[in-house]
């Protein structure tokens, strides 16, 4: 199985779509592929944590993407 066939999903929304929607909601007209690919390991690592673990880090699940891309975007 090639890596291109693997789909990662958190809940009902695939992670790739979740990231694309994050950028869409910010009103950015860019293709986030390179940004997503560069930061996917950190995103997955945070998504795998429990809500309690995220809370100890001062994050909620909805704050993962803004946290990961915080150096690029001030929202």
Foldseek 3Di string as FASTA:
>chain_A
DDPVPDWDPQPPHTPLVVLVVVCVVVVDPDDCVVVCVVQVVQLVVVSPDDQVVQVVVVHGNVCSNCVSCVVPDDD
